[in-house]
Amino acid sequence: MSALVEAPIDSSLLDAAQRAFADQGLERSTLERIAAEAGISRVTLHRRGVTKDALVAALAERAVDQYRRAMWPVLTGPGTNEERLESALAALCGVVEDNRDAEVLTRRSFADPFERLLHDGAEGGSLRALDPRDGAAALVNLVGQTYLHLRTGHRWSPKRAQKATLDLALRGVLAR
């Protein structure tokens, strides 16, 4: 009897899992469906030691990594606090767009950059003074979840969903 070997999960398998989750939902997706999406057998997944939980965790990790890469230029680049906040929110919409079914937006790491931007903007006077930690958590969920709902529930285009969501969100935090 051979032992199960937990192998790294490659991007093509993650893409297949993401498609299966998008089509069937997280709860209804099975390893059989994910294997079919990947063009491999369920037994191959079993031999590799791949579980649905491992796939969900890997998708979340990939989304967080993508998010960090999207936020870095916003946090370190030039621009006013307002411009940087708008760029960060637009980057958030991009990450949500690419990971609509990864269910990762509740992670604290998504709110951290916004906490900094809200703090800096309040100190500079361009953004309302509010608790940066609470404001960041609310803003990430307001924008991320609203954008996601408009894209999936109302079938709006990415551009339309982002424009409507960011317009309302930014008006709520700008000082003027």
N, C-alpha and C. Protein backbone atom coordinates (compact mmCIF):
# COMPACT_ATOMS: atom_id res chain seq x y z
N MET A 1 0.84 -1.16 0.00
CA MET A 1 0.00 0.00 0.00
C MET A 1 0.89 1.24 0.00
N SER A 2 0.66 2.14 -0.94
CA SER A 2 1.50 3.33 -1.05
C SER A 2 0.95 4.45 -0.17
N ALA A 3 1.87 5.22 0.37
CA ALA A 3 1.47 6.35 1.22
C ALA A 3 1.07 7.53 0.35
N LEU A 4 0.14 8.31 0.85
CA LEU A 4 -0.26 9.52 0.14
C LEU A 4 0.83 10.55 0.27
N VAL A 5 1.10 11.23 -0.83
CA VAL A 5 2.11 12.26 -0.85
C VAL A 5 1.42 13.59 -1.13
N GLU A 6 1.58 14.54 -0.22
CA GLU A 6 0.97 15.85 -0.44
C GLU A 6 1.90 16.67 -1.31
N ALA A 7 1.49 16.87 -2.55
CA ALA A 7 2.28 17.63 -3.51
C ALA A 7 1.79 19.07 -3.55
N PRO A 8 2.66 19.97 -3.98
CA PRO A 8 2.20 21.34 -4.14
C PRO A 8 1.07 21.40 -5.16
N ILE A 9 0.19 22.34 -4.99
CA ILE A 9 -0.95 22.49 -5.89
C ILE A 9 -0.56 23.50 -6.96
N ASP A 10 -0.54 23.05 -8.22
CA ASP A 10 -0.12 23.94 -9.30
C ASP A 10 -1.25 24.88 -9.72
N SER A 11 -0.89 25.90 -10.48
CA SER A 11 -1.87 26.92 -10.86
C SER A 11 -2.97 26.38 -11.75
N SER A 12 -2.68 25.39 -12.59
CA SER A 12 -3.74 24.85 -13.45
C SER A 12 -4.80 24.13 -12.62
N LEU A 13 -4.39 23.46 -11.54
CA LEU A 13 -5.35 22.82 -10.66
C LEU A 13 -6.15 23.86 -9.88
N LEU A 14 -5.49 24.93 -9.46
CA LEU A 14 -6.20 26.02 -8.79
C LEU A 14 -7.22 26.68 -9.72
N ASP A 15 -6.82 26.87 -10.98
CA ASP A 15 -7.75 27.44 -11.95
C ASP A 15 -8.96 26.53 -12.12
N ALA A 16 -8.72 25.23 -12.17
CA ALA A 16 -9.81 24.26 -12.31
C ALA A 16 -10.73 24.31 -11.10
N ALA A 17 -10.15 24.40 -9.91
CA ALA A 17 -10.96 24.49 -8.69
C ALA A 17 -11.78 25.77 -8.69
N GLN A 18 -11.18 26.85 -9.12
CA GLN A 18 -11.90 28.13 -9.14
C GLN A 18 -13.06 28.06 -10.13
N ARG A 19 -12.86 27.42 -11.28
CA ARG A 19 -13.97 27.26 -12.24
C ARG A 19 -15.08 26.40 -11.65
N ALA A 20 -14.71 25.31 -10.99
CA ALA A 20 -15.71 24.43 -10.39
C ALA A 20 -16.50 25.17 -9.31
N PHE A 21 -15.80 25.94 -8.47
CA PHE A 21 -16.47 26.70 -7.42
C PHE A 21 -17.40 27.75 -8.03
N ALA A 22 -16.97 28.36 -9.13
CA ALA A 22 -17.81 29.36 -9.80
C ALA A 22 -19.06 28.71 -10.38
N ASP A 23 -18.92 27.53 -10.96
CA ASP A 23 -20.05 26.84 -11.59
C ASP A 23 -21.00 26.21 -10.58
N GLN A 24 -20.44 25.55 -9.57
CA GLN A 24 -21.24 24.75 -8.65
C GLN A 24 -21.41 25.35 -7.26
N GLY A 25 -20.60 26.35 -6.95
CA GLY A 25 -20.58 26.88 -5.59
C GLY A 25 -19.61 26.04 -4.76
N LEU A 26 -19.11 26.64 -3.71
CA LEU A 26 -18.11 25.98 -2.88
C LEU A 26 -18.65 24.71 -2.24
N GLU A 27 -19.82 24.78 -1.67
CA GLU A 27 -20.37 23.61 -0.96
C GLU A 27 -20.70 22.45 -1.89
N ARG A 28 -21.21 22.74 -3.08
CA ARG A 28 -21.63 21.66 -3.98
C ARG A 28 -20.50 21.13 -4.85
N SER A 29 -19.38 21.82 -4.92
CA SER A 29 -18.27 21.34 -5.73
C SER A 29 -17.64 20.11 -5.10
N THR A 30 -17.35 19.14 -5.92
CA THR A 30 -16.73 17.91 -5.44
C THR A 30 -15.35 17.77 -6.04
N LEU A 31 -14.55 16.91 -5.44
CA LEU A 31 -13.23 16.64 -6.01
C LEU A 31 -13.35 16.02 -7.39
N GLU A 32 -14.41 15.24 -7.61
CA GLU A 32 -14.63 14.67 -8.94
C GLU A 32 -14.82 15.78 -9.98
N ARG A 33 -15.61 16.77 -9.63
CA ARG A 33 -15.86 17.90 -10.54
C ARG A 33 -14.59 18.69 -10.78
N ILE A 34 -13.84 18.93 -9.73
CA ILE A 34 -12.58 19.67 -9.85
C ILE A 34 -11.59 18.90 -10.71
N ALA A 35 -11.50 17.60 -10.49
CA ALA A 35 -10.61 16.76 -11.30
C ALA A 35 -11.02 16.81 -12.78
N ALA A 36 -12.32 16.74 -13.05
CA ALA A 36 -12.80 16.81 -14.43
C ALA A 36 -12.42 18.15 -15.06
N GLU A 37 -12.58 19.24 -14.30
CA GLU A 37 -12.19 20.57 -14.79
C GLU A 37 -10.70 20.62 -15.12
N ALA A 38 -9.90 19.90 -14.32
CA ALA A 38 -8.44 19.90 -14.51
C ALA A 38 -7.98 18.90 -15.57
N GLY A 39 -8.91 18.03 -16.00
CA GLY A 39 -8.54 17.03 -17.01
C GLY A 39 -7.73 15.88 -16.42
N ILE A 40 -7.96 15.61 -15.14
CA ILE A 40 -7.27 14.49 -14.48
C ILE A 40 -8.32 13.65 -13.75
N SER A 41 -7.90 12.54 -13.19
CA SER A 41 -8.86 11.70 -12.48
C SER A 41 -8.92 12.06 -11.00
N ARG A 42 -10.01 11.69 -10.38
CA ARG A 42 -10.18 11.88 -8.93
C ARG A 42 -9.10 11.12 -8.17
N VAL A 43 -8.73 9.96 -8.68
CA VAL A 43 -7.70 9.14 -8.04
C VAL A 43 -6.36 9.88 -8.03
N THR A 44 -6.08 10.62 -9.11
CA THR A 44 -4.84 11.41 -9.16
C THR A 44 -4.81 12.44 -8.05
N LEU A 45 -5.94 13.09 -7.83
CA LEU A 45 -6.01 14.06 -6.72
C LEU A 45 -5.80 13.36 -5.39
N HIS A 46 -6.41 12.20 -5.24
CA HIS A 46 -6.27 11.44 -4.00
C HIS A 46 -4.80 11.05 -3.78
N ARG A 47 -4.15 10.57 -4.81
CA ARG A 47 -2.73 10.18 -4.68
C ARG A 47 -1.84 11.36 -4.33
N ARG A 48 -2.21 12.53 -4.83
CA ARG A 48 -1.43 13.74 -4.53
C ARG A 48 -1.75 14.29 -3.14
N GLY A 49 -2.78 13.75 -2.51
CA GLY A 49 -3.17 14.24 -1.18
C GLY A 49 -3.91 15.55 -1.23
N VAL A 50 -4.55 15.85 -2.37
CA VAL A 50 -5.27 17.11 -2.54
C VAL A 50 -6.69 16.98 -1.98
N THR A 51 -7.05 17.91 -1.13
CA THR A 51 -8.40 17.95 -0.57
C THR A 51 -9.07 19.26 -0.99
N LYS A 52 -10.36 19.30 -0.85
CA LYS A 52 -11.10 20.53 -1.17
C LYS A 52 -10.65 21.66 -0.25
N ASP A 53 -10.45 21.35 1.02
CA ASP A 53 -9.98 22.37 1.96
C ASP A 53 -8.61 22.92 1.55
N ALA A 54 -7.74 22.05 1.08
CA ALA A 54 -6.41 22.49 0.63
C ALA A 54 -6.52 23.39 -0.59
N LEU A 55 -7.44 23.08 -1.47
CA LEU A 55 -7.66 23.91 -2.66
C LEU A 55 -8.21 25.29 -2.28
N VAL A 56 -9.16 25.31 -1.36
CA VAL A 56 -9.72 26.58 -0.89
C VAL A 56 -8.62 27.42 -0.24
N ALA A 57 -7.81 26.79 0.59
CA ALA A 57 -6.71 27.51 1.25
C ALA A 57 -5.70 28.03 0.24
N ALA A 58 -5.39 27.24 -0.77
CA ALA A 58 -4.44 27.66 -1.79
C ALA A 58 -5.01 28.81 -2.64
N LEU A 59 -6.30 28.75 -2.93
CA LEU A 59 -6.93 29.86 -3.66
C LEU A 59 -6.90 31.14 -2.83
N ALA A 60 -7.15 31.02 -1.55
CA ALA A 60 -7.10 32.18 -0.67
C ALA A 60 -5.68 32.75 -0.62
N GLU A 61 -4.71 31.87 -0.51
CA GLU A 61 -3.31 32.31 -0.50
C GLU A 61 -2.94 33.03 -1.79
N ARG A 62 -3.39 32.49 -2.91
CA ARG A 62 -3.11 33.11 -4.22
C ARG A 62 -3.77 34.49 -4.30
N ALA A 63 -5.00 34.61 -3.81
CA ALA A 63 -5.69 35.90 -3.85
C ALA A 63 -5.00 36.93 -2.95
N VAL A 64 -4.56 36.50 -1.79
CA VAL A 64 -3.85 37.42 -0.88
C VAL A 64 -2.53 37.87 -1.52
N ASP A 65 -1.83 36.96 -2.15
CA ASP A 65 -0.58 37.31 -2.82
C ASP A 65 -0.84 38.30 -3.96
N GLN A 66 -1.86 38.04 -4.75
CA GLN A 66 -2.23 38.94 -5.84
C GLN A 66 -2.60 40.31 -5.27
N TYR A 67 -3.32 40.31 -4.18
CA TYR A 67 -3.74 41.55 -3.53
C TYR A 67 -2.53 42.36 -3.06
N ARG A 68 -1.59 41.69 -2.42
CA ARG A 68 -0.38 42.38 -1.96
C ARG A 68 0.38 43.00 -3.11
N ARG A 69 0.49 42.27 -4.22
CA ARG A 69 1.18 42.80 -5.40
C ARG A 69 0.43 44.01 -5.97
N ALA A 70 -0.90 43.99 -5.92
CA ALA A 70 -1.68 45.11 -6.42
C ALA A 70 -1.59 46.33 -5.50
N MET A 71 -1.48 46.11 -4.21
CA MET A 71 -1.47 47.21 -3.24
C MET A 71 -0.10 47.88 -3.11
N TRP A 72 0.96 47.15 -3.32
CA TRP A 72 2.30 47.70 -3.08
C TRP A 72 2.54 49.00 -3.85
N PRO A 73 2.29 49.07 -5.16
CA PRO A 73 2.53 50.33 -5.86
C PRO A 73 1.64 51.48 -5.36
N VAL A 74 0.45 51.16 -4.92
CA VAL A 74 -0.45 52.19 -4.40
C VAL A 74 0.08 52.75 -3.09
N LEU A 75 0.54 51.87 -2.22
CA LEU A 75 1.01 52.31 -0.90
C LEU A 75 2.36 53.02 -0.97
N THR A 76 3.17 52.69 -1.94
CA THR A 76 4.52 53.26 -2.01
C THR A 76 4.65 54.33 -3.09
N GLY A 77 3.62 54.51 -3.89
CA GLY A 77 3.70 55.45 -5.01
C GLY A 77 3.29 56.86 -4.63
N PRO A 78 3.44 57.74 -5.61
CA PRO A 78 3.08 59.14 -5.39
C PRO A 78 1.57 59.36 -5.48
N GLY A 79 1.16 60.57 -5.17
CA GLY A 79 -0.24 60.95 -5.31
C GLY A 79 -0.79 61.46 -4.00
N THR A 80 -1.92 62.13 -4.11
CA THR A 80 -2.58 62.62 -2.90
C THR A 80 -3.20 61.43 -2.18
N ASN A 81 -3.61 61.67 -0.95
CA ASN A 81 -4.28 60.61 -0.19
C ASN A 81 -5.55 60.16 -0.91
N GLU A 82 -6.29 61.10 -1.46
CA GLU A 82 -7.50 60.76 -2.19
C GLU A 82 -7.19 59.87 -3.40
N GLU A 83 -6.19 60.26 -4.17
CA GLU A 83 -5.82 59.48 -5.37
C GLU A 83 -5.34 58.08 -5.00
N ARG A 84 -4.55 58.00 -3.96
CA ARG A 84 -4.04 56.70 -3.54
C ARG A 84 -5.16 55.81 -3.03
N LEU A 85 -6.11 56.39 -2.27
CA LEU A 85 -7.25 55.61 -1.78
C LEU A 85 -8.09 55.11 -2.96
N GLU A 86 -8.36 55.98 -3.92
CA GLU A 86 -9.14 55.56 -5.08
C GLU A 86 -8.42 54.46 -5.86
N SER A 87 -7.11 54.60 -6.03
CA SER A 87 -6.32 53.57 -6.72
C SER A 87 -6.36 52.24 -5.95
N ALA A 88 -6.29 52.33 -4.63
CA ALA A 88 -6.32 51.11 -3.81
C ALA A 88 -7.68 50.43 -3.93
N LEU A 89 -8.76 51.21 -3.93
CA LEU A 89 -10.10 50.63 -4.07
C LEU A 89 -10.29 50.02 -5.45
N ALA A 90 -9.74 50.66 -6.47
CA ALA A 90 -9.81 50.09 -7.82
C ALA A 90 -9.02 48.79 -7.89
N ALA A 91 -7.87 48.75 -7.24
CA ALA A 91 -7.07 47.51 -7.19
C ALA A 91 -7.85 46.41 -6.46
N LEU A 92 -8.55 46.78 -5.39
CA LEU A 92 -9.38 45.81 -4.68
C LEU A 92 -10.44 45.23 -5.61
N CYS A 93 -11.09 46.07 -6.39
CA CYS A 93 -12.09 45.59 -7.35
C CYS A 93 -11.45 44.62 -8.34
N GLY A 94 -10.23 44.91 -8.78
CA GLY A 94 -9.54 44.00 -9.70
C GLY A 94 -9.27 42.65 -9.08
N VAL A 95 -8.86 42.63 -7.84
CA VAL A 95 -8.60 41.36 -7.15
C VAL A 95 -9.91 40.60 -6.92
N VAL A 96 -10.96 41.32 -6.55
CA VAL A 96 -12.27 40.67 -6.39
C VAL A 96 -12.71 40.07 -7.72
N GLU A 97 -12.52 40.81 -8.80
CA GLU A 97 -12.90 40.33 -10.13
C GLU A 97 -12.20 39.01 -10.46
N ASP A 98 -10.93 38.95 -10.16
CA ASP A 98 -10.15 37.75 -10.48
C ASP A 98 -10.39 36.59 -9.52
N ASN A 99 -10.97 36.88 -8.36
CA ASN A 99 -11.16 35.85 -7.33
C ASN A 99 -12.58 35.86 -6.79
N ARG A 100 -13.55 36.02 -7.66
CA ARG A 100 -14.94 36.16 -7.22
C ARG A 100 -15.42 34.99 -6.38
N ASP A 101 -14.86 33.82 -6.57
CA ASP A 101 -15.36 32.64 -5.88
C ASP A 101 -14.39 32.11 -4.83
N ALA A 102 -13.35 32.87 -4.53
CA ALA A 102 -12.36 32.38 -3.57
C ALA A 102 -12.77 32.64 -2.12
N GLU A 103 -13.75 33.48 -1.89
CA GLU A 103 -14.26 33.76 -0.55
C GLU A 103 -13.16 34.13 0.44
N VAL A 104 -12.35 35.12 0.06
CA VAL A 104 -11.22 35.48 0.91
C VAL A 104 -11.26 36.92 1.42
N LEU A 105 -12.26 37.67 1.05
CA LEU A 105 -12.25 39.10 1.38
C LEU A 105 -12.43 39.40 2.85
N THR A 106 -12.73 38.41 3.65
CA THR A 106 -12.90 38.68 5.07
C THR A 106 -11.57 38.61 5.83
N ARG A 107 -10.52 38.27 5.17
CA ARG A 107 -9.22 38.19 5.85
C ARG A 107 -8.72 39.58 6.23
N ARG A 108 -8.12 39.66 7.38
CA ARG A 108 -7.63 40.94 7.90
C ARG A 108 -6.61 41.57 6.95
N SER A 109 -5.81 40.77 6.26
CA SER A 109 -4.77 41.33 5.40
C SER A 109 -5.35 42.20 4.29
N PHE A 110 -6.62 42.04 3.95
CA PHE A 110 -7.23 42.88 2.94
C PHE A 110 -7.51 44.28 3.47
N ALA A 111 -7.73 44.41 4.75
CA ALA A 111 -8.04 45.72 5.32
C ALA A 111 -6.79 46.51 5.72
N ASP A 112 -5.69 45.85 5.96
CA ASP A 112 -4.49 46.53 6.45
C ASP A 112 -4.05 47.73 5.60
N PRO A 113 -3.94 47.61 4.27
CA PRO A 113 -3.50 48.79 3.49
C PRO A 113 -4.48 49.96 3.61
N PHE A 114 -5.76 49.66 3.71
CA PHE A 114 -6.75 50.73 3.82
C PHE A 114 -6.69 51.42 5.17
N GLU A 115 -6.31 50.67 6.20
CA GLU A 115 -6.13 51.28 7.52
C GLU A 115 -5.05 52.36 7.43
N ARG A 116 -3.98 52.04 6.76
CA ARG A 116 -2.89 53.02 6.60
C ARG A 116 -3.34 54.21 5.78
N LEU A 117 -4.02 53.95 4.67
CA LEU A 117 -4.48 55.06 3.81
C LEU A 117 -5.47 55.96 4.53
N LEU A 118 -6.39 55.39 5.29
CA LEU A 118 -7.36 56.19 6.03
C LEU A 118 -6.67 57.02 7.12
N HIS A 119 -5.70 56.41 7.80
CA HIS A 119 -4.94 57.13 8.84
C HIS A 119 -4.19 58.30 8.22
N ASP A 120 -3.46 58.04 7.13
CA ASP A 120 -2.68 59.10 6.48
C ASP A 120 -3.58 60.21 5.96
N GLY A 121 -4.71 59.83 5.37
CA GLY A 121 -5.62 60.83 4.82
C GLY A 121 -6.26 61.69 5.90
N ALA A 122 -6.59 61.09 7.03
CA ALA A 122 -7.17 61.86 8.14
C ALA A 122 -6.14 62.82 8.71
N GLU A 123 -4.90 62.35 8.84
CA GLU A 123 -3.84 63.24 9.35
C GLU A 123 -3.57 64.38 8.39
N GLY A 124 -3.66 64.11 7.10
CA GLY A 124 -3.42 65.14 6.10
C GLY A 124 -4.62 66.04 5.86
N GLY A 125 -5.78 65.67 6.39
CA GLY A 125 -6.97 66.50 6.26
C GLY A 125 -7.82 66.25 5.03
N SER A 126 -7.40 65.34 4.15
CA SER A 126 -8.18 65.10 2.94
C SER A 126 -9.27 64.04 3.14
N LEU A 127 -9.16 63.24 4.21
CA LEU A 127 -10.16 62.23 4.50
C LEU A 127 -10.75 62.48 5.88
N ARG A 128 -11.98 62.06 6.07
CA ARG A 128 -12.65 62.21 7.35
C ARG A 128 -11.86 61.50 8.45
N ALA A 129 -11.92 62.07 9.64
CA ALA A 129 -11.30 61.42 10.79
C ALA A 129 -12.26 60.35 11.30
N LEU A 130 -11.84 59.11 11.20
CA LEU A 130 -12.63 58.00 11.72
C LEU A 130 -11.65 56.94 12.20
N ASP A 131 -12.14 56.00 12.95
CA ASP A 131 -11.27 54.94 13.43
C ASP A 131 -10.73 54.19 12.21
N PRO A 132 -9.41 54.24 11.98
CA PRO A 132 -8.86 53.64 10.76
C PRO A 132 -9.09 52.13 10.66
N ARG A 133 -9.01 51.43 11.78
CA ARG A 133 -9.19 49.98 11.75
C ARG A 133 -10.62 49.59 11.39
N ASP A 134 -11.58 50.23 12.07
CA ASP A 134 -12.99 49.95 11.77
C ASP A 134 -13.35 50.44 10.38
N GLY A 135 -12.89 51.64 10.04
CA GLY A 135 -13.18 52.20 8.72
C GLY A 135 -12.63 51.33 7.60
N ALA A 136 -11.42 50.80 7.79
CA ALA A 136 -10.80 49.95 6.77
C ALA A 136 -11.59 48.67 6.58
N ALA A 137 -11.98 48.04 7.68
CA ALA A 137 -12.76 46.80 7.58
C ALA A 137 -14.09 47.06 6.88
N ALA A 138 -14.75 48.16 7.25
CA ALA A 138 -16.03 48.49 6.62
C ALA A 138 -15.85 48.82 5.14
N LEU A 139 -14.82 49.59 4.82
CA LEU A 139 -14.59 50.00 3.43
C LEU A 139 -14.28 48.81 2.53
N VAL A 140 -13.42 47.90 2.99
CA VAL A 140 -13.08 46.72 2.19
C VAL A 140 -14.31 45.87 1.93
N ASN A 141 -15.12 45.68 2.94
CA ASN A 141 -16.33 44.87 2.76
C ASN A 141 -17.39 45.61 1.95
N LEU A 142 -17.53 46.91 2.18
CA LEU A 142 -18.47 47.71 1.42
C LEU A 142 -18.15 47.63 -0.07
N VAL A 143 -16.92 47.90 -0.42
CA VAL A 143 -16.52 47.91 -1.82
C VAL A 143 -16.44 46.49 -2.38
N GLY A 144 -15.75 45.61 -1.68
CA GLY A 144 -15.57 44.25 -2.20
C GLY A 144 -16.87 43.51 -2.39
N GLN A 145 -17.72 43.53 -1.37
CA GLN A 145 -18.97 42.78 -1.45
C GLN A 145 -19.98 43.44 -2.39
N THR A 146 -20.03 44.77 -2.40
CA THR A 146 -20.94 45.46 -3.31
C THR A 146 -20.52 45.23 -4.75
N TYR A 147 -19.23 45.38 -5.02
CA TYR A 147 -18.72 45.12 -6.37
C TYR A 147 -19.05 43.69 -6.79
N LEU A 148 -18.78 42.75 -5.92
CA LEU A 148 -19.05 41.34 -6.23
C LEU A 148 -20.54 41.12 -6.52
N HIS A 149 -21.40 41.69 -5.69
CA HIS A 149 -22.84 41.53 -5.90
C HIS A 149 -23.29 42.14 -7.23
N LEU A 150 -22.80 43.32 -7.55
CA LEU A 150 -23.19 43.95 -8.81
C LEU A 150 -22.71 43.14 -10.02
N ARG A 151 -21.54 42.54 -9.90
CA ARG A 151 -21.00 41.72 -11.00
C ARG A 151 -21.76 40.41 -11.15
N THR A 152 -22.01 39.73 -10.05
CA THR A 152 -22.62 38.40 -10.15
C THR A 152 -24.14 38.43 -10.07
N GLY A 153 -24.70 39.24 -9.19
CA GLY A 153 -26.14 39.29 -9.02
C GLY A 153 -26.86 40.09 -10.08
N HIS A 154 -26.24 41.19 -10.51
CA HIS A 154 -26.87 42.06 -11.50
C HIS A 154 -26.22 41.96 -12.87
N ARG A 155 -25.12 41.23 -12.94
CA ARG A 155 -24.39 41.01 -14.20
C ARG A 155 -23.90 42.31 -14.83
N TRP A 156 -23.52 43.27 -13.97
CA TRP A 156 -22.94 44.51 -14.47
C TRP A 156 -21.54 44.24 -14.98
N SER A 157 -21.06 45.07 -15.89
CA SER A 157 -19.68 44.96 -16.38
C SER A 157 -18.72 45.37 -15.25
N PRO A 158 -17.47 44.92 -15.32
CA PRO A 158 -16.51 45.35 -14.29
C PRO A 158 -16.40 46.87 -14.19
N LYS A 159 -16.37 47.54 -15.32
CA LYS A 159 -16.23 49.01 -15.33
C LYS A 159 -17.42 49.68 -14.65
N ARG A 160 -18.62 49.25 -14.97
CA ARG A 160 -19.83 49.84 -14.40
C ARG A 160 -19.91 49.59 -12.90
N ALA A 161 -19.63 48.36 -12.48
CA ALA A 161 -19.68 48.01 -11.06
C ALA A 161 -18.64 48.79 -10.27
N GLN A 162 -17.43 48.91 -10.81
CA GLN A 162 -16.36 49.63 -10.11
C GLN A 162 -16.69 51.11 -10.00
N LYS A 163 -17.15 51.71 -11.09
CA LYS A 163 -17.45 53.14 -11.07
C LYS A 163 -18.54 53.47 -10.04
N ALA A 164 -19.63 52.72 -10.06
CA ALA A 164 -20.73 52.98 -9.13
C ALA A 164 -20.31 52.76 -7.68
N THR A 165 -19.58 51.69 -7.44
CA THR A 165 -19.17 51.35 -6.07
C THR A 165 -18.16 52.36 -5.53
N LEU A 166 -17.15 52.69 -6.32
CA LEU A 166 -16.12 53.62 -5.84
C LEU A 166 -16.68 55.02 -5.64
N ASP A 167 -17.57 55.45 -6.51
CA ASP A 167 -18.15 56.78 -6.36
C ASP A 167 -18.84 56.91 -5.01
N LEU A 168 -19.67 55.94 -4.66
CA LEU A 168 -20.38 56.00 -3.38
C LEU A 168 -19.43 55.85 -2.19
N ALA A 169 -18.48 54.93 -2.29
CA ALA A 169 -17.57 54.69 -1.17
C ALA A 169 -16.67 55.90 -0.91
N LEU A 170 -16.14 56.50 -1.96
CA LEU A 170 -15.24 57.64 -1.77
C LEU A 170 -15.98 58.84 -1.19
N ARG A 171 -17.21 59.08 -1.58
CA ARG A 171 -17.97 60.21 -1.04
C ARG A 171 -18.17 60.05 0.48
N GLY A 172 -18.14 58.82 0.96
CA GLY A 172 -18.33 58.58 2.38
C GLY A 172 -17.09 58.85 3.23
N VAL A 173 -15.91 58.91 2.61
CA VAL A 173 -14.70 59.10 3.41
C VAL A 173 -13.96 60.40 3.12
N LEU A 174 -14.30 61.09 2.04
CA LEU A 174 -13.62 62.33 1.74
C LEU A 174 -14.02 63.42 2.72
N ALA A 175 -13.09 64.27 3.06
CA ALA A 175 -13.35 65.30 4.05
C ALA A 175 -14.29 66.39 3.54
N ARG A 176 -14.25 66.67 2.25
CA ARG A 176 -15.09 67.76 1.74
C ARG A 176 -16.45 67.29 1.30
